[in-house]
Amino acid sequence: MTQKITPVLWFNMNGQEAAEFYTSLLPDSRIDKVIHASTDTPSGPKGYPMVIDFTLAGQKYAALNGGPHFTPNEAVSFQIVTEDQEETDRLWNAIVGNGGQEAPCGWCKDKWGFSWQITPRILLDLLVDSDAARAERGFKAMLQMKKIDIAAIEAAIDSVPA
């Protein structure tokens, strides 16, 4: 089945660079098509890479080189669910190490201004944990972190209060 809705990300003329970086992060990712402007537009001259269609972890996206008129904010973010500390570290370090910024609670921002949540599965499991005290201990530990430390979360949830 084809995907009916494609999220379009607005960039200030560096969408192709961003799409190439994003597709390097995850399996089943690729640049699908670069559409060049067939005429001069308010955003750029004829021939510039206007839209970059790409697939990120099997999900279709488009990067629109629309110019400086709009910028991303935290109201929309990418969440990547990770299975272990190695994957968490790899993704976090790739985004932050490529000109990005750390933020609290597993969030970071890439150099183009888009927010990412690098979320180990253990945090999602805590949302449905039937032991409310265990979940609370895990989330209190998470609130003290930037990049998530799975071992520290596990230690917190398994600790027995005095």
N, C-alpha and C. Protein backbone atom coordinates (compact mmCIF):
# COMPACT_ATOMS: atom_id res chain seq x y z
N MET A 1 0.84 -1.18 0.00
CA MET A 1 0.00 0.00 0.00
C MET A 1 0.89 1.25 0.00
N THR A 2 0.53 2.21 -0.79
CA THR A 2 1.31 3.44 -0.82
C THR A 2 0.93 4.33 0.35
N GLN A 3 1.86 5.11 0.76
CA GLN A 3 1.66 6.04 1.88
C GLN A 3 0.86 7.23 1.38
N LYS A 4 -0.25 7.54 2.04
CA LYS A 4 -1.14 8.62 1.60
C LYS A 4 -0.68 9.99 2.07
N ILE A 5 -0.06 10.07 3.23
CA ILE A 5 0.38 11.34 3.80
C ILE A 5 1.90 11.34 3.88
N THR A 6 2.51 12.40 3.38
CA THR A 6 3.96 12.56 3.45
C THR A 6 4.28 13.83 4.22
N PRO A 7 4.95 13.70 5.37
CA PRO A 7 5.39 14.91 6.08
C PRO A 7 6.42 15.66 5.24
N VAL A 8 6.24 16.98 5.15
CA VAL A 8 7.16 17.83 4.40
C VAL A 8 7.89 18.72 5.41
N LEU A 9 9.21 18.67 5.37
CA LEU A 9 10.06 19.44 6.27
C LEU A 9 10.61 20.65 5.52
N TRP A 10 10.48 21.82 6.11
CA TRP A 10 10.92 23.06 5.47
C TRP A 10 12.37 23.33 5.84
N PHE A 11 13.19 23.61 4.83
CA PHE A 11 14.60 23.91 5.05
C PHE A 11 14.97 25.22 4.38
N ASN A 12 16.02 25.82 4.91
CA ASN A 12 16.57 27.04 4.33
C ASN A 12 17.65 26.67 3.32
N MET A 13 17.24 26.02 2.24
CA MET A 13 18.10 25.69 1.11
C MET A 13 19.14 24.60 1.41
N ASN A 14 19.00 23.88 2.52
CA ASN A 14 19.95 22.81 2.83
C ASN A 14 19.23 21.48 3.07
N GLY A 15 18.07 21.31 2.46
CA GLY A 15 17.28 20.10 2.63
C GLY A 15 17.95 18.86 2.11
N GLN A 16 18.70 18.97 1.02
CA GLN A 16 19.36 17.79 0.49
C GLN A 16 20.45 17.31 1.44
N GLU A 17 21.21 18.23 1.99
CA GLU A 17 22.23 17.87 2.98
C GLU A 17 21.58 17.17 4.18
N ALA A 18 20.48 17.72 4.67
CA ALA A 18 19.79 17.13 5.81
C ALA A 18 19.26 15.74 5.46
N ALA A 19 18.61 15.61 4.31
CA ALA A 19 18.06 14.31 3.90
C ALA A 19 19.16 13.27 3.77
N GLU A 20 20.30 13.65 3.23
CA GLU A 20 21.42 12.72 3.11
C GLU A 20 21.91 12.29 4.49
N PHE A 21 21.96 13.23 5.44
CA PHE A 21 22.37 12.89 6.80
C PHE A 21 21.33 11.97 7.45
N TYR A 22 20.07 12.35 7.38
CA TYR A 22 19.01 11.55 8.01
C TYR A 22 19.02 10.12 7.49
N THR A 23 19.16 9.96 6.17
CA THR A 23 19.11 8.61 5.61
C THR A 23 20.34 7.79 5.95
N SER A 24 21.38 8.43 6.44
CA SER A 24 22.57 7.68 6.87
C SER A 24 22.39 7.08 8.27
N LEU A 25 21.35 7.51 8.98
CA LEU A 25 21.18 7.11 10.38
C LEU A 25 20.53 5.75 10.58
N LEU A 26 19.59 5.39 9.72
CA LEU A 26 18.74 4.23 9.98
C LEU A 26 18.63 3.32 8.77
N PRO A 27 18.45 2.02 9.00
CA PRO A 27 18.21 1.09 7.89
C PRO A 27 16.90 1.44 7.17
N ASP A 28 16.74 0.93 5.96
CA ASP A 28 15.56 1.17 5.13
C ASP A 28 15.37 2.66 4.90
N SER A 29 16.46 3.35 4.61
CA SER A 29 16.45 4.79 4.37
C SER A 29 17.21 5.10 3.10
N ARG A 30 16.72 6.09 2.35
CA ARG A 30 17.37 6.42 1.08
C ARG A 30 16.81 7.74 0.53
N ILE A 31 17.57 8.36 -0.35
CA ILE A 31 17.06 9.48 -1.14
C ILE A 31 16.31 8.85 -2.31
N ASP A 32 15.06 9.21 -2.48
CA ASP A 32 14.26 8.63 -3.55
C ASP A 32 14.30 9.46 -4.82
N LYS A 33 14.27 10.79 -4.66
CA LYS A 33 14.20 11.64 -5.84
C LYS A 33 14.54 13.07 -5.44
N VAL A 34 15.25 13.76 -6.31
CA VAL A 34 15.50 15.19 -6.15
C VAL A 34 14.78 15.89 -7.29
N ILE A 35 13.88 16.80 -6.93
CA ILE A 35 13.11 17.54 -7.92
C ILE A 35 13.68 18.95 -8.01
N HIS A 36 14.16 19.29 -9.17
CA HIS A 36 14.75 20.61 -9.39
C HIS A 36 13.67 21.58 -9.88
N ALA A 37 13.76 22.82 -9.47
CA ALA A 37 12.78 23.83 -9.87
C ALA A 37 12.81 24.01 -11.39
N SER A 38 11.64 23.97 -12.00
CA SER A 38 11.57 24.10 -13.45
C SER A 38 11.58 25.56 -13.91
N THR A 39 11.50 26.46 -12.92
CA THR A 39 11.54 27.89 -13.21
C THR A 39 12.05 28.61 -11.97
N ASP A 40 12.35 29.87 -12.10
CA ASP A 40 12.70 30.67 -10.92
C ASP A 40 11.50 30.68 -9.98
N THR A 41 11.76 30.61 -8.68
CA THR A 41 10.69 30.67 -7.67
C THR A 41 11.07 31.74 -6.65
N PRO A 42 10.15 32.10 -5.75
CA PRO A 42 10.52 33.05 -4.69
C PRO A 42 11.65 32.52 -3.80
N SER A 43 11.84 31.19 -3.79
CA SER A 43 12.87 30.60 -2.93
C SER A 43 14.21 30.40 -3.62
N GLY A 44 14.23 30.38 -4.94
CA GLY A 44 15.50 30.14 -5.61
C GLY A 44 15.38 30.16 -7.13
N PRO A 45 16.53 30.08 -7.79
CA PRO A 45 16.55 30.15 -9.26
C PRO A 45 16.18 28.82 -9.90
N LYS A 46 15.80 28.89 -11.14
CA LYS A 46 15.53 27.70 -11.93
C LYS A 46 16.67 26.70 -11.75
N GLY A 47 16.31 25.44 -11.51
CA GLY A 47 17.31 24.38 -11.40
C GLY A 47 17.76 24.03 -9.99
N TYR A 48 17.41 24.86 -9.00
CA TYR A 48 17.85 24.51 -7.65
C TYR A 48 17.09 23.28 -7.15
N PRO A 49 17.68 22.50 -6.22
CA PRO A 49 16.97 21.33 -5.69
C PRO A 49 15.83 21.78 -4.79
N MET A 50 14.62 21.83 -5.35
CA MET A 50 13.47 22.39 -4.65
C MET A 50 12.87 21.39 -3.64
N VAL A 51 12.72 20.14 -4.03
CA VAL A 51 12.13 19.12 -3.17
C VAL A 51 13.01 17.88 -3.22
N ILE A 52 13.29 17.32 -2.05
CA ILE A 52 14.04 16.08 -1.96
C ILE A 52 13.11 15.07 -1.31
N ASP A 53 12.69 14.08 -2.09
CA ASP A 53 11.87 12.99 -1.55
C ASP A 53 12.82 11.95 -0.98
N PHE A 54 12.56 11.55 0.27
CA PHE A 54 13.41 10.55 0.89
C PHE A 54 12.60 9.62 1.78
N THR A 55 13.17 8.46 2.04
CA THR A 55 12.58 7.47 2.92
C THR A 55 13.47 7.34 4.14
N LEU A 56 12.86 7.43 5.31
CA LEU A 56 13.59 7.30 6.57
C LEU A 56 12.94 6.18 7.36
N ALA A 57 13.68 5.08 7.53
CA ALA A 57 13.18 3.90 8.23
C ALA A 57 11.83 3.46 7.67
N GLY A 58 11.71 3.45 6.34
CA GLY A 58 10.51 2.99 5.68
C GLY A 58 9.41 4.02 5.55
N GLN A 59 9.56 5.20 6.15
CA GLN A 59 8.55 6.27 6.12
C GLN A 59 8.97 7.32 5.10
N LYS A 60 8.05 7.70 4.23
CA LYS A 60 8.33 8.72 3.21
C LYS A 60 8.27 10.12 3.82
N TYR A 61 9.21 10.97 3.40
CA TYR A 61 9.27 12.38 3.79
C TYR A 61 9.66 13.18 2.55
N ALA A 62 9.48 14.47 2.65
CA ALA A 62 9.99 15.38 1.63
C ALA A 62 10.67 16.54 2.34
N ALA A 63 11.79 16.96 1.80
CA ALA A 63 12.47 18.16 2.27
C ALA A 63 12.22 19.24 1.23
N LEU A 64 11.67 20.35 1.68
CA LEU A 64 11.37 21.47 0.80
C LEU A 64 12.37 22.58 1.07
N ASN A 65 13.13 22.95 0.06
CA ASN A 65 14.06 24.07 0.18
C ASN A 65 13.28 25.36 -0.04
N GLY A 66 12.62 25.82 1.00
CA GLY A 66 11.72 26.97 0.90
C GLY A 66 12.32 28.29 1.30
N GLY A 67 13.56 28.28 1.82
CA GLY A 67 14.18 29.52 2.23
C GLY A 67 14.00 29.82 3.71
N PRO A 68 14.33 31.02 4.13
CA PRO A 68 14.38 31.35 5.56
C PRO A 68 13.04 31.75 6.19
N HIS A 69 11.95 31.62 5.47
CA HIS A 69 10.66 32.14 5.94
C HIS A 69 10.10 31.42 7.17
N PHE A 70 10.35 30.13 7.30
CA PHE A 70 9.82 29.35 8.41
C PHE A 70 10.94 28.52 9.01
N THR A 71 10.88 28.31 10.32
CA THR A 71 11.88 27.49 11.00
C THR A 71 11.19 26.43 11.85
N PRO A 72 11.84 25.28 12.02
CA PRO A 72 11.24 24.23 12.84
C PRO A 72 11.24 24.61 14.31
N ASN A 73 10.36 23.96 15.08
CA ASN A 73 10.36 24.11 16.53
C ASN A 73 10.00 22.78 17.18
N GLU A 74 10.01 22.77 18.49
CA GLU A 74 9.81 21.53 19.24
C GLU A 74 8.38 20.99 19.19
N ALA A 75 7.46 21.72 18.58
CA ALA A 75 6.08 21.25 18.51
C ALA A 75 5.95 19.96 17.70
N VAL A 76 6.92 19.71 16.83
CA VAL A 76 6.98 18.48 16.05
C VAL A 76 8.39 17.92 16.20
N SER A 77 8.47 16.63 16.47
CA SER A 77 9.79 16.01 16.63
C SER A 77 9.78 14.61 16.03
N PHE A 78 10.97 14.10 15.81
CA PHE A 78 11.15 12.71 15.39
C PHE A 78 11.44 11.90 16.64
N GLN A 79 10.77 10.78 16.81
CA GLN A 79 11.09 9.89 17.92
C GLN A 79 11.66 8.61 17.32
N ILE A 80 12.84 8.24 17.78
CA ILE A 80 13.45 6.98 17.37
C ILE A 80 13.50 6.10 18.60
N VAL A 81 12.83 4.95 18.52
CA VAL A 81 12.85 3.99 19.63
C VAL A 81 14.08 3.11 19.46
N THR A 82 14.91 3.10 20.48
CA THR A 82 16.15 2.32 20.44
C THR A 82 16.02 1.09 21.33
N GLU A 83 16.80 0.08 20.99
CA GLU A 83 16.71 -1.20 21.70
C GLU A 83 17.79 -1.37 22.77
N ASP A 84 18.88 -0.62 22.67
CA ASP A 84 19.97 -0.79 23.64
C ASP A 84 20.80 0.49 23.71
N GLN A 85 21.76 0.50 24.62
CA GLN A 85 22.59 1.69 24.83
C GLN A 85 23.46 1.99 23.62
N GLU A 86 23.93 0.95 22.95
CA GLU A 86 24.78 1.17 21.78
C GLU A 86 24.02 1.94 20.69
N GLU A 87 22.79 1.54 20.42
CA GLU A 87 22.00 2.25 19.41
C GLU A 87 21.66 3.66 19.88
N THR A 88 21.32 3.80 21.16
CA THR A 88 21.02 5.11 21.73
C THR A 88 22.22 6.04 21.57
N ASP A 89 23.39 5.56 21.95
CA ASP A 89 24.62 6.36 21.86
C ASP A 89 24.94 6.72 20.41
N ARG A 90 24.81 5.74 19.51
CA ARG A 90 25.16 5.98 18.11
C ARG A 90 24.30 7.09 17.51
N LEU A 91 22.99 7.02 17.72
CA LEU A 91 22.10 8.02 17.14
C LEU A 91 22.28 9.38 17.80
N TRP A 92 22.35 9.39 19.12
CA TRP A 92 22.55 10.64 19.87
C TRP A 92 23.84 11.32 19.42
N ASN A 93 24.92 10.54 19.41
CA ASN A 93 26.23 11.10 19.06
C ASN A 93 26.26 11.58 17.61
N ALA A 94 25.57 10.87 16.71
CA ALA A 94 25.54 11.29 15.31
C ALA A 94 24.85 12.65 15.18
N ILE A 95 23.71 12.82 15.83
CA ILE A 95 22.95 14.06 15.71
C ILE A 95 23.64 15.20 16.43
N VAL A 96 24.02 14.99 17.66
CA VAL A 96 24.68 16.05 18.44
C VAL A 96 26.06 16.35 17.87
N GLY A 97 26.77 15.31 17.44
CA GLY A 97 28.12 15.48 16.91
C GLY A 97 28.17 16.10 15.53
N ASN A 98 27.04 16.22 14.87
CA ASN A 98 26.98 16.82 13.54
C ASN A 98 26.41 18.24 13.63
N GLY A 99 26.82 18.96 14.67
CA GLY A 99 26.38 20.34 14.82
C GLY A 99 25.08 20.51 15.58
N GLY A 100 24.57 19.42 16.18
CA GLY A 100 23.32 19.49 16.93
C GLY A 100 23.53 19.96 18.36
N GLN A 101 22.44 19.93 19.13
CA GLN A 101 22.48 20.38 20.53
C GLN A 101 21.77 19.37 21.42
N GLU A 102 22.33 19.16 22.60
CA GLU A 102 21.68 18.32 23.59
C GLU A 102 20.50 19.06 24.21
N ALA A 103 19.51 18.30 24.64
CA ALA A 103 18.38 18.84 25.37
C ALA A 103 18.00 17.82 26.44
N PRO A 104 17.15 18.18 27.39
CA PRO A 104 16.80 17.25 28.47
C PRO A 104 15.97 16.06 28.00
N CYS A 105 16.04 15.00 28.80
CA CYS A 105 15.12 13.85 28.72
C CYS A 105 15.18 13.08 27.41
N GLY A 106 16.38 12.95 26.84
CA GLY A 106 16.54 12.18 25.61
C GLY A 106 16.26 12.96 24.34
N TRP A 107 16.02 14.26 24.47
CA TRP A 107 15.78 15.09 23.30
C TRP A 107 17.10 15.72 22.84
N CYS A 108 17.22 15.91 21.54
CA CYS A 108 18.32 16.68 20.99
C CYS A 108 17.80 17.37 19.74
N LYS A 109 18.56 18.32 19.27
CA LYS A 109 18.15 19.08 18.09
C LYS A 109 19.28 18.97 17.07
N ASP A 110 18.91 18.70 15.81
CA ASP A 110 19.94 18.61 14.78
C ASP A 110 20.34 20.02 14.32
N LYS A 111 21.37 20.08 13.50
CA LYS A 111 21.90 21.40 13.11
C LYS A 111 20.95 22.19 12.23
N TRP A 112 19.89 21.55 11.73
CA TRP A 112 18.89 22.26 10.92
C TRP A 112 17.71 22.73 11.77
N GLY A 113 17.75 22.42 13.08
CA GLY A 113 16.71 22.91 13.99
C GLY A 113 15.60 21.93 14.29
N PHE A 114 15.64 20.73 13.73
CA PHE A 114 14.61 19.73 14.02
C PHE A 114 14.94 18.95 15.28
N SER A 115 13.92 18.71 16.09
CA SER A 115 14.08 18.00 17.36
C SER A 115 13.90 16.50 17.17
N TRP A 116 14.71 15.76 17.92
CA TRP A 116 14.68 14.30 17.90
C TRP A 116 14.55 13.80 19.34
N GLN A 117 13.78 12.77 19.52
CA GLN A 117 13.71 12.08 20.80
C GLN A 117 14.37 10.71 20.61
N ILE A 118 15.50 10.52 21.23
CA ILE A 118 16.19 9.24 21.17
C ILE A 118 15.71 8.47 22.39
N THR A 119 14.74 7.57 22.18
CA THR A 119 13.96 6.98 23.25
C THR A 119 14.19 5.49 23.37
N PRO A 120 14.95 5.05 24.36
CA PRO A 120 15.08 3.62 24.58
C PRO A 120 13.72 2.99 24.91
N ARG A 121 13.50 1.82 24.39
CA ARG A 121 12.23 1.11 24.58
C ARG A 121 11.83 1.01 26.06
N ILE A 122 12.81 0.92 26.95
CA ILE A 122 12.50 0.80 28.38
C ILE A 122 11.64 1.97 28.86
N LEU A 123 11.85 3.16 28.31
CA LEU A 123 11.03 4.31 28.71
C LEU A 123 9.58 4.15 28.26
N LEU A 124 9.38 3.62 27.08
CA LEU A 124 8.01 3.39 26.61
C LEU A 124 7.34 2.30 27.44
N ASP A 125 8.12 1.29 27.81
CA ASP A 125 7.57 0.22 28.66
C ASP A 125 7.13 0.75 30.01
N LEU A 126 7.83 1.76 30.53
CA LEU A 126 7.45 2.34 31.82
C LEU A 126 6.08 3.03 31.75
N LEU A 127 5.69 3.50 30.56
CA LEU A 127 4.39 4.16 30.42
C LEU A 127 3.23 3.21 30.70
N VAL A 128 3.45 1.93 30.51
CA VAL A 128 2.38 0.95 30.72
C VAL A 128 2.71 -0.02 31.86
N ASP A 129 3.73 0.33 32.64
CA ASP A 129 4.12 -0.53 33.77
C ASP A 129 3.01 -0.50 34.82
N SER A 130 2.59 -1.67 35.27
CA SER A 130 1.51 -1.74 36.27
C SER A 130 1.99 -1.34 37.66
N ASP A 131 3.31 -1.27 37.84
CA ASP A 131 3.87 -0.85 39.13
C ASP A 131 4.17 0.65 39.05
N ALA A 132 3.24 1.45 39.56
CA ALA A 132 3.35 2.90 39.46
C ALA A 132 4.61 3.44 40.14
N ALA A 133 5.00 2.85 41.26
CA ALA A 133 6.19 3.32 41.97
C ALA A 133 7.45 3.06 41.14
N ARG A 134 7.49 1.92 40.51
CA ARG A 134 8.63 1.56 39.64
C ARG A 134 8.71 2.55 38.47
N ALA A 135 7.57 2.82 37.84
CA ALA A 135 7.53 3.77 36.73
C ALA A 135 7.97 5.16 37.19
N GLU A 136 7.51 5.57 38.34
CA GLU A 136 7.87 6.89 38.87
C GLU A 136 9.37 6.99 39.11
N ARG A 137 9.98 5.94 39.66
CA ARG A 137 11.43 5.96 39.90
C ARG A 137 12.19 6.08 38.58
N GLY A 138 11.73 5.36 37.56
CA GLY A 138 12.39 5.41 36.26
C GLY A 138 12.28 6.79 35.62
N PHE A 139 11.09 7.38 35.70
CA PHE A 139 10.90 8.70 35.10
C PHE A 139 11.63 9.79 35.87
N LYS A 140 11.71 9.66 37.18
CA LYS A 140 12.48 10.66 37.95
C LYS A 140 13.95 10.60 37.56
N ALA A 141 14.46 9.40 37.34
CA ALA A 141 15.85 9.25 36.89
C ALA A 141 16.03 9.88 35.50
N MET A 142 15.08 9.62 34.60
CA MET A 142 15.15 10.15 33.24
C MET A 142 15.15 11.67 33.24
N LEU A 143 14.40 12.28 34.13
CA LEU A 143 14.31 13.74 34.17
C LEU A 143 15.64 14.42 34.50
N GLN A 144 16.58 13.65 35.04
CA GLN A 144 17.91 14.19 35.38
C GLN A 144 18.90 14.07 34.22
N MET A 145 18.49 13.43 33.13
CA MET A 145 19.41 13.11 32.04
C MET A 145 19.21 14.00 30.84
N LYS A 146 20.24 14.05 30.02
CA LYS A 146 20.11 14.54 28.65
C LYS A 146 20.04 13.27 27.80
N LYS A 147 21.20 12.72 27.36
CA LYS A 147 21.17 11.43 26.68
C LYS A 147 20.76 10.37 27.70
N ILE A 148 19.88 9.47 27.32
CA ILE A 148 19.36 8.48 28.25
C ILE A 148 20.41 7.40 28.51
N ASP A 149 20.59 7.12 29.79
CA ASP A 149 21.48 6.06 30.26
C ASP A 149 20.60 4.91 30.72
N ILE A 150 20.52 3.87 29.90
CA ILE A 150 19.62 2.75 30.17
C ILE A 150 19.97 2.06 31.49
N ALA A 151 21.26 1.87 31.77
CA ALA A 151 21.66 1.21 33.02
C ALA A 151 21.20 2.02 34.24
N ALA A 152 21.27 3.34 34.15
CA ALA A 152 20.83 4.18 35.27
C ALA A 152 19.31 4.11 35.44
N ILE A 153 18.58 4.03 34.34
CA ILE A 153 17.12 3.86 34.41
C ILE A 153 16.79 2.52 35.06
N GLU A 154 17.46 1.47 34.62
CA GLU A 154 17.23 0.14 35.18
C GLU A 154 17.55 0.11 36.67
N ALA A 155 18.65 0.75 37.06
CA ALA A 155 19.03 0.79 38.48
C ALA A 155 17.96 1.52 39.29
N ALA A 156 17.44 2.60 38.74
CA ALA A 156 16.42 3.37 39.44
C ALA A 156 15.12 2.59 39.60
N ILE A 157 14.69 1.92 38.54
CA ILE A 157 13.42 1.20 38.64
C ILE A 157 13.52 -0.03 39.52
N ASP A 158 14.72 -0.60 39.62
CA ASP A 158 14.90 -1.78 40.44
C ASP A 158 15.27 -1.48 41.87
N SER A 159 15.52 -0.21 42.18
CA SER A 159 15.89 0.16 43.55
C SER A 159 14.67 0.05 44.45
N VAL A 160 14.93 -0.31 45.68
CA VAL A 160 13.85 -0.44 46.67
C VAL A 160 13.97 0.75 47.62
N PRO A 161 12.91 1.57 47.68
CA PRO A 161 12.96 2.74 48.55
C PRO A 161 13.14 2.33 50.01
N ALA A 162 13.85 3.17 50.73
CA ALA A 162 14.11 2.88 52.16
C ALA A 162 12.91 3.22 53.01
